[in-house]
C-alpha cells in the first residue's frame, strides 16, 4: 500500500495531474494499478475526505492562487 500511495502522490502532487479537470481519482488509481476504493478509504481515514474531494480541493486552491495572482 505504501508504494501505491507514493505513486499516487507523485501523480497528484509531483506531476500535478490534478490540474487536468477531466481526470478523476479513479483514473489516477488505474494509472498506478491501485484499487480506487481501498485508496479512497485510506484518504478518508487519513485526510477526512475522499480522493475526488481531495482533487477538488487542490483544484480550488490552484484556482484561488491564479485569480489572486
C-alpha atoms as a PDB file:
ATOM      1  CA  UNK A   1       0.000   0.000   0.000  1.00  0.00           C
ATOM      2  CA  UNK A   2       2.806   2.440   0.846  1.00  0.00           C
ATOM      3  CA  UNK A   3       4.297   2.110  -2.637  1.00  0.00           C
ATOM      4  CA  UNK A   4       0.915   2.752  -4.243  1.00  0.00           C
ATOM      5  CA  UNK A   5       0.461   5.819  -2.049  1.00  0.00           C
ATOM      6  CA  UNK A   6       3.840   7.170  -3.094  1.00  0.00           C
ATOM      7  CA  UNK A   7       2.932   6.640  -6.738  1.00  0.00           C
ATOM      8  CA  UNK A   8      -0.428   8.297  -6.218  1.00  0.00           C
ATOM      9  CA  UNK A   9       1.134  11.338  -4.516  1.00  0.00           C
ATOM     10  CA  UNK A  10       3.634  11.592  -7.336  1.00  0.00           C
ATOM     11  CA  UNK A  11       0.802  11.715  -9.879  1.00  0.00           C
ATOM     12  CA  UNK A  12      -1.235  14.196  -7.883  1.00  0.00           C
ATOM     13  CA  UNK A  13       1.351  16.467  -6.290  1.00  0.00           C
ATOM     14  CA  UNK A  14       4.527  15.792  -8.283  1.00  0.00           C
ATOM     15  CA  UNK A  15       3.170  15.660 -11.803  1.00  0.00           C
ATOM     16  CA  UNK A  16       0.271  17.968 -10.930  1.00  0.00           C
ATOM     17  CA  UNK A  17      -2.254  15.797 -12.757  1.00  0.00           C
ATOM     18  CA  UNK A  18      -4.980  17.328 -10.613  1.00  0.00           C
ATOM     19  CA  UNK A  19      -4.701  20.330 -12.929  1.00  0.00           C
ATOM     20  CA  UNK A  20      -6.416  18.275 -15.624  1.00  0.00           C
ATOM     21  CA  UNK A  21     -10.106  18.915 -14.896  1.00  0.00           C
ATOM     22  CA  UNK A  22     -11.109  15.800 -16.831  1.00  0.00           C
ATOM     23  CA  UNK A  23      -9.136  13.318 -14.726  1.00  0.00           C
ATOM     24  CA  UNK A  24     -10.852  11.549 -11.862  1.00  0.00           C
ATOM     25  CA  UNK A  25      -9.444   9.971  -8.741  1.00  0.00           C
ATOM     26  CA  UNK A  26     -10.439   6.577 -10.107  1.00  0.00           C
ATOM     27  CA  UNK A  27      -8.440   7.207 -13.287  1.00  0.00           C
ATOM     28  CA  UNK A  28      -5.386   8.170 -11.246  1.00  0.00           C
ATOM     29  CA  UNK A  29      -5.702   4.925  -9.305  1.00  0.00           C
ATOM     30  CA  UNK A  30      -5.964   2.988 -12.561  1.00  0.00           C
ATOM     31  CA  UNK A  31      -2.695   4.575 -13.744  1.00  0.00           C
ATOM     32  CA  UNK A  32      -0.863   3.028 -10.784  1.00  0.00           C
ATOM     33  CA  UNK A  33      -2.872  -0.207 -10.769  1.00  0.00           C
ATOM     34  CA  UNK A  34      -4.349   0.549  -7.346  1.00  0.00           C
ATOM     35  CA  UNK A  35      -7.788  -0.254  -6.027  1.00  0.00           C
ATOM     36  CA  UNK A  36      -9.687   3.056  -6.008  1.00  0.00           C
ATOM     37  CA  UNK A  37     -11.974   2.045  -3.146  1.00  0.00           C
ATOM     38  CA  UNK A  38      -9.051   0.979  -0.971  1.00  0.00           C
ATOM     39  CA  UNK A  39      -7.169   4.200  -1.708  1.00  0.00           C
ATOM     40  CA  UNK A  40     -10.301   6.246  -1.129  1.00  0.00           C
ATOM     41  CA  UNK A  41     -10.893   4.612   2.249  1.00  0.00           C
ATOM     42  CA  UNK A  42      -7.315   5.317   3.271  1.00  0.00           C
ATOM     43  CA  UNK A  43      -7.633   9.003   2.362  1.00  0.00           C
ATOM     44  CA  UNK A  44     -10.911   9.274   4.238  1.00  0.00           C
ATOM     45  CA  UNK A  45      -9.219   7.865   7.337  1.00  0.00           C
ATOM     46  CA  UNK A  46      -6.077   9.993   6.991  1.00  0.00           C
ATOM     47  CA  UNK A  47      -7.350  13.248   5.479  1.00  0.00           C
ATOM     48  CA  UNK A  48     -11.050  13.178   6.255  1.00  0.00           C
ATOM     49  CA  UNK A  49     -12.043  13.395   2.606  1.00  0.00           C
ATOM     50  CA  UNK A  50     -12.376  11.125  -0.392  1.00  0.00           C
ATOM     51  CA  UNK A  51      -9.896  11.061  -3.222  1.00  0.00           C
ATOM     52  CA  UNK A  52     -12.192  13.004  -5.516  1.00  0.00           C
ATOM     53  CA  UNK A  53     -12.820  15.573  -2.789  1.00  0.00           C
ATOM     54  CA  UNK A  54      -9.066  15.943  -2.354  1.00  0.00           C
ATOM     55  CA  UNK A  55      -8.624  16.574  -6.077  1.00  0.00           C
ATOM     56  CA  UNK A  56     -11.411  19.147  -5.946  1.00  0.00           C
ATOM     57  CA  UNK A  57      -9.732  20.946  -3.038  1.00  0.00           C
ATOM     58  CA  UNK A  58      -6.420  21.060  -4.887  1.00  0.00           C
ATOM     59  CA  UNK A  59      -8.151  22.454  -7.967  1.00  0.00           C
ATOM     60  CA  UNK A  60      -9.979  25.073  -5.926  1.00  0.00           C
ATOM     61  CA  UNK A  61      -6.767  26.123  -4.182  1.00  0.00           C
ATOM     62  CA  UNK A  62      -4.993  26.358  -7.542  1.00  0.00           C
ATOM     63  CA  UNK A  63      -7.803  28.495  -8.972  1.00  0.00           C
ATOM     64  CA  UNK A  64      -7.710  30.775  -5.929  1.00  0.00           C
ATOM     65  CA  UNK A  65      -3.961  31.328  -6.328  1.00  0.00           C
ATOM     66  CA  UNK A  66      -4.318  32.006 -10.035  1.00  0.00           C
ATOM     67  CA  UNK A  67      -7.085  34.568  -9.563  1.00  0.00           C
ATOM     68  CA  UNK A  68      -5.225  36.292  -6.722  1.00  0.00           C
ATOM     69  CA  UNK A  69      -2.177  36.308  -8.966  1.00  0.00           C
END
